[in-house]
């Protein structure tokens, strides 16, 4: 696995994250007939909250991002994007594992949505997320906290 780390996001990161989102989501959105180059970037701009977002750096360079937004009795895992050239190297799994350990210590559920047919769903299932509901575009998943002795 590559040398990686997290740093807090800042307002200055929004455009880089919007562009990364467009690149990462494009294949699935095209497959689903939902790709709109302007909308995919604008949605990120509208929802970007640096206070709950971390930038993923690999070898000192920006490589992705992830957000963990608190809500009542749960966290929402959002905007989890990794440069496609770095996917499949264990980085996403390591980032997700670290965030989930934090949520487990707080005994908090974690929720997310993933595009139907996305390969990212396998990553979430490996980390014990299960399907809660789904529609023609999104699959909504949830993960209950795992006690320390079972991790």
C-alpha atoms as a PDB file:
ATOM      1  CA  UNK A   1       0.000   0.000   0.000  1.00  0.00           C
ATOM      2  CA  UNK A   2       1.203   3.503  -0.795  1.00  0.00           C
ATOM      3  CA  UNK A   3       2.255   6.002   1.868  1.00  0.00           C
ATOM      4  CA  UNK A   4      -0.927   7.968   2.597  1.00  0.00           C
ATOM      5  CA  UNK A   5      -2.355  10.387   5.141  1.00  0.00           C
ATOM      6  CA  UNK A   6      -5.295  12.654   5.862  1.00  0.00           C
ATOM      7  CA  UNK A   7      -5.373  16.391   6.343  1.00  0.00           C
ATOM      8  CA  UNK A   8      -8.330  18.606   7.181  1.00  0.00           C
ATOM      9  CA  UNK A   9     -10.007  20.053   4.105  1.00  0.00           C
ATOM     10  CA  UNK A  10     -10.293  23.778   3.541  1.00  0.00           C
ATOM     11  CA  UNK A  11     -12.551  25.967   1.434  1.00  0.00           C
ATOM     12  CA  UNK A  12      -9.686  26.178  -1.076  1.00  0.00           C
ATOM     13  CA  UNK A  13     -10.076  22.433  -1.810  1.00  0.00           C
ATOM     14  CA  UNK A  14     -13.598  22.667  -3.201  1.00  0.00           C
ATOM     15  CA  UNK A  15     -12.744  22.958  -6.908  1.00  0.00           C
ATOM     16  CA  UNK A  16     -10.210  20.128  -6.843  1.00  0.00           C
ATOM     17  CA  UNK A  17     -12.745  17.911  -5.069  1.00  0.00           C
ATOM     18  CA  UNK A  18     -15.511  18.905  -7.516  1.00  0.00           C
ATOM     19  CA  UNK A  19     -13.279  17.907 -10.421  1.00  0.00           C
ATOM     20  CA  UNK A  20     -12.281  14.624  -8.774  1.00  0.00           C
ATOM     21  CA  UNK A  21     -15.955  13.838  -8.133  1.00  0.00           C
ATOM     22  CA  UNK A  22     -16.738  14.350 -11.818  1.00  0.00           C
ATOM     23  CA  UNK A  23     -13.920  11.997 -12.860  1.00  0.00           C
ATOM     24  CA  UNK A  24     -14.720   9.272 -10.304  1.00  0.00           C
ATOM     25  CA  UNK A  25     -18.499   9.255 -10.771  1.00  0.00           C
ATOM     26  CA  UNK A  26     -18.581   9.713 -14.544  1.00  0.00           C
ATOM     27  CA  UNK A  27     -18.553   6.014 -15.582  1.00  0.00           C
ATOM     28  CA  UNK A  28     -21.402   5.089 -13.224  1.00  0.00           C
ATOM     29  CA  UNK A  29     -23.429   8.207 -13.984  1.00  0.00           C
ATOM     30  CA  UNK A  30     -23.035   7.650 -17.742  1.00  0.00           C
ATOM     31  CA  UNK A  31     -24.085   4.002 -17.327  1.00  0.00           C
ATOM     32  CA  UNK A  32     -27.165   5.165 -15.375  1.00  0.00           C
ATOM     33  CA  UNK A  33     -27.967   7.871 -17.938  1.00  0.00           C
ATOM     34  CA  UNK A  34     -27.494  10.599 -15.300  1.00  0.00           C
ATOM     35  CA  UNK A  35     -24.192  12.299 -16.213  1.00  0.00           C
ATOM     36  CA  UNK A  36     -24.325  16.081 -16.443  1.00  0.00           C
ATOM     37  CA  UNK A  37     -20.865  17.702 -16.382  1.00  0.00           C
ATOM     38  CA  UNK A  38     -22.084  20.911 -14.716  1.00  0.00           C
ATOM     39  CA  UNK A  39     -24.447  19.281 -12.218  1.00  0.00           C
ATOM     40  CA  UNK A  40     -21.951  16.685 -10.956  1.00  0.00           C
ATOM     41  CA  UNK A  41     -19.538  19.476  -9.993  1.00  0.00           C
ATOM     42  CA  UNK A  42     -22.158  21.918  -8.692  1.00  0.00           C
ATOM     43  CA  UNK A  43     -23.700  19.347  -6.373  1.00  0.00           C
ATOM     44  CA  UNK A  44     -20.324  18.950  -4.653  1.00  0.00           C
ATOM     45  CA  UNK A  45     -19.876  22.721  -4.401  1.00  0.00           C
ATOM     46  CA  UNK A  46     -23.325  23.033  -2.814  1.00  0.00           C
ATOM     47  CA  UNK A  47     -22.677  20.281  -0.236  1.00  0.00           C
ATOM     48  CA  UNK A  48     -18.964  20.733   0.539  1.00  0.00           C
ATOM     49  CA  UNK A  49     -18.402  21.244   4.273  1.00  0.00           C
ATOM     50  CA  UNK A  50     -14.687  21.515   5.090  1.00  0.00           C
ATOM     51  CA  UNK A  51     -15.322  21.052   8.827  1.00  0.00           C
ATOM     52  CA  UNK A  52     -16.380  17.425   8.213  1.00  0.00           C
ATOM     53  CA  UNK A  53     -14.059  16.653   5.288  1.00  0.00           C
ATOM     54  CA  UNK A  54     -10.510  15.336   5.011  1.00  0.00           C
ATOM     55  CA  UNK A  55      -8.238  15.320   2.012  1.00  0.00           C
ATOM     56  CA  UNK A  56      -6.460  12.061   1.258  1.00  0.00           C
ATOM     57  CA  UNK A  57      -2.817  12.537   0.345  1.00  0.00           C
ATOM     58  CA  UNK A  58      -0.606   9.862  -1.173  1.00  0.00           C
ATOM     59  CA  UNK A  59       3.116  10.483  -1.289  1.00  0.00           C
ATOM     60  CA  UNK A  60       2.444  14.073  -0.221  1.00  0.00           C
ATOM     61  CA  UNK A  61       0.119  14.788  -3.192  1.00  0.00           C
ATOM     62  CA  UNK A  62      -3.643  15.253  -3.128  1.00  0.00           C
ATOM     63  CA  UNK A  63      -5.328  11.983  -4.102  1.00  0.00           C
ATOM     64  CA  UNK A  64      -8.887  12.126  -2.821  1.00  0.00           C
ATOM     65  CA  UNK A  65     -11.270  13.119  -0.080  1.00  0.00           C
ATOM     66  CA  UNK A  66     -13.805  11.790   2.379  1.00  0.00           C
ATOM     67  CA  UNK A  67     -16.446  13.412   4.572  1.00  0.00           C
ATOM     68  CA  UNK A  68     -18.034  12.123   7.756  1.00  0.00           C
ATOM     69  CA  UNK A  69     -21.038  14.294   8.576  1.00  0.00           C
ATOM     70  CA  UNK A  70     -22.635  13.947  12.003  1.00  0.00           C
ATOM     71  CA  UNK A  71     -26.401  13.582  12.196  1.00  0.00           C
ATOM     72  CA  UNK A  72     -28.746  12.419  14.941  1.00  0.00           C
ATOM     73  CA  UNK A  73     -27.383   9.110  16.326  1.00  0.00           C
ATOM     74  CA  UNK A  74     -25.423   8.442  13.116  1.00  0.00           C
ATOM     75  CA  UNK A  75     -22.737   9.666  10.750  1.00  0.00           C
ATOM     76  CA  UNK A  76     -23.123  10.042   6.999  1.00  0.00           C
ATOM     77  CA  UNK A  77     -20.114   8.937   4.965  1.00  0.00           C
ATOM     78  CA  UNK A  78     -20.078  11.277   1.983  1.00  0.00           C
ATOM     79  CA  UNK A  79     -17.862  12.445  -0.855  1.00  0.00           C
ATOM     80  CA  UNK A  80     -15.485   9.505  -0.635  1.00  0.00           C
ATOM     81  CA  UNK A  81     -13.466   9.850  -3.825  1.00  0.00           C
ATOM     82  CA  UNK A  82     -10.031   8.485  -4.657  1.00  0.00           C
ATOM     83  CA  UNK A  83      -8.064   9.153  -7.822  1.00  0.00           C
ATOM     84  CA  UNK A  84      -8.874   6.217 -10.147  1.00  0.00           C
ATOM     85  CA  UNK A  85      -5.143   5.585 -10.728  1.00  0.00           C
ATOM     86  CA  UNK A  86      -4.788   4.829  -6.993  1.00  0.00           C
ATOM     87  CA  UNK A  87      -7.847   2.651  -6.538  1.00  0.00           C
ATOM     88  CA  UNK A  88      -7.356  -1.035  -5.791  1.00  0.00           C
ATOM     89  CA  UNK A  89      -4.211  -0.496  -3.703  1.00  0.00           C
ATOM     90  CA  UNK A  90      -5.807  -0.706  -0.252  1.00  0.00           C
ATOM     91  CA  UNK A  91      -5.816   3.052   0.355  1.00  0.00           C
ATOM     92  CA  UNK A  92      -9.605   3.438   0.311  1.00  0.00           C
ATOM     93  CA  UNK A  93     -10.025   0.442   2.597  1.00  0.00           C
ATOM     94  CA  UNK A  94      -7.461   1.822   5.058  1.00  0.00           C
ATOM     95  CA  UNK A  95      -9.082   5.279   5.068  1.00  0.00           C
ATOM     96  CA  UNK A  96     -12.539   3.789   5.546  1.00  0.00           C
ATOM     97  CA  UNK A  97     -11.313   1.427   8.268  1.00  0.00           C
ATOM     98  CA  UNK A  98      -9.859   4.294  10.276  1.00  0.00           C
ATOM     99  CA  UNK A  99     -13.051   6.331  10.067  1.00  0.00           C
ATOM    100  CA  UNK A 100     -15.170   3.338  11.033  1.00  0.00           C
ATOM    101  CA  UNK A 101     -12.995   2.635  14.087  1.00  0.00           C
ATOM    102  CA  UNK A 102     -13.736   6.167  15.260  1.00  0.00           C
ATOM    103  CA  UNK A 103     -17.469   5.624  14.759  1.00  0.00           C
ATOM    104  CA  UNK A 104     -17.289   2.266  16.556  1.00  0.00           C
ATOM    105  CA  UNK A 105     -15.666   3.924  19.588  1.00  0.00           C
ATOM    106  CA  UNK A 106     -18.595   6.347  19.660  1.00  0.00           C
ATOM    107  CA  UNK A 107     -21.071   3.466  19.146  1.00  0.00           C
ATOM    108  CA  UNK A 108     -22.449   5.343  16.136  1.00  0.00           C
ATOM    109  CA  UNK A 109     -24.108   3.948  13.051  1.00  0.00           C
ATOM    110  CA  UNK A 110     -22.735   4.998   9.677  1.00  0.00           C
ATOM    111  CA  UNK A 111     -24.927   5.554   6.633  1.00  0.00           C
ATOM    112  CA  UNK A 112     -24.072   6.200   3.007  1.00  0.00           C
ATOM    113  CA  UNK A 113     -25.461   5.982  -0.455  1.00  0.00           C
ATOM    114  CA  UNK A 114     -23.675   4.530  -3.453  1.00  0.00           C
ATOM    115  CA  UNK A 115     -24.735   4.530  -7.087  1.00  0.00           C
ATOM    116  CA  UNK A 116     -26.470   1.343  -8.206  1.00  0.00           C
ATOM    117  CA  UNK A 117     -23.945  -0.957  -9.899  1.00  0.00           C
ATOM    118  CA  UNK A 118     -20.905   0.918  -8.562  1.00  0.00           C
ATOM    119  CA  UNK A 119     -17.858  -1.197  -7.754  1.00  0.00           C
ATOM    120  CA  UNK A 120     -17.506   0.881  -4.553  1.00  0.00           C
ATOM    121  CA  UNK A 121     -20.363  -1.126  -3.083  1.00  0.00           C
ATOM    122  CA  UNK A 122     -18.022  -4.127  -2.657  1.00  0.00           C
ATOM    123  CA  UNK A 123     -15.695  -1.993  -0.513  1.00  0.00           C
ATOM    124  CA  UNK A 124     -18.591  -1.048   1.754  1.00  0.00           C
ATOM    125  CA  UNK A 125     -19.844  -4.619   1.998  1.00  0.00           C
ATOM    126  CA  UNK A 126     -16.350  -5.779   3.031  1.00  0.00           C
ATOM    127  CA  UNK A 127     -16.613  -3.273   5.884  1.00  0.00           C
ATOM    128  CA  UNK A 128     -19.979  -4.709   7.006  1.00  0.00           C
ATOM    129  CA  UNK A 129     -22.367  -2.217   5.446  1.00  0.00           C
ATOM    130  CA  UNK A 130     -25.728  -3.696   4.516  1.00  0.00           C
ATOM    131  CA  UNK A 131     -28.428  -2.448   2.174  1.00  0.00           C
ATOM    132  CA  UNK A 132     -31.151  -0.464   3.890  1.00  0.00           C
ATOM    133  CA  UNK A 133     -33.125   0.668   0.824  1.00  0.00           C
ATOM    134  CA  UNK A 134     -32.527   1.281  -2.856  1.00  0.00           C
ATOM    135  CA  UNK A 135     -34.107   2.964  -5.821  1.00  0.00           C
ATOM    136  CA  UNK A 136     -33.330   3.051  -9.542  1.00  0.00           C
ATOM    137  CA  UNK A 137     -30.221   5.219  -8.980  1.00  0.00           C
ATOM    138  CA  UNK A 138     -28.986   4.875  -5.387  1.00  0.00           C
ATOM    139  CA  UNK A 139     -28.357   2.113  -2.887  1.00  0.00           C
ATOM    140  CA  UNK A 140     -28.602   3.291   0.724  1.00  0.00           C
ATOM    141  CA  UNK A 141     -26.440   1.323   3.139  1.00  0.00           C
ATOM    142  CA  UNK A 142     -25.948   1.273   6.893  1.00  0.00           C
ATOM    143  CA  UNK A 143     -23.355  -0.159   9.264  1.00  0.00           C
ATOM    144  CA  UNK A 144     -24.007  -0.773  12.942  1.00  0.00           C
ATOM    145  CA  UNK A 145     -21.149  -0.097  15.352  1.00  0.00           C
ATOM    146  CA  UNK A 146     -18.890  -3.079  15.962  1.00  0.00           C
ATOM    147  CA  UNK A 147     -17.683  -3.679  19.535  1.00  0.00           C
ATOM    148  CA  UNK A 148     -13.905  -3.511  20.045  1.00  0.00           C
ATOM    149  CA  UNK A 149     -13.617  -7.241  20.762  1.00  0.00           C
ATOM    150  CA  UNK A 150     -15.204  -8.141  17.411  1.00  0.00           C
ATOM    151  CA  UNK A 151     -13.132  -5.827  15.164  1.00  0.00           C
END
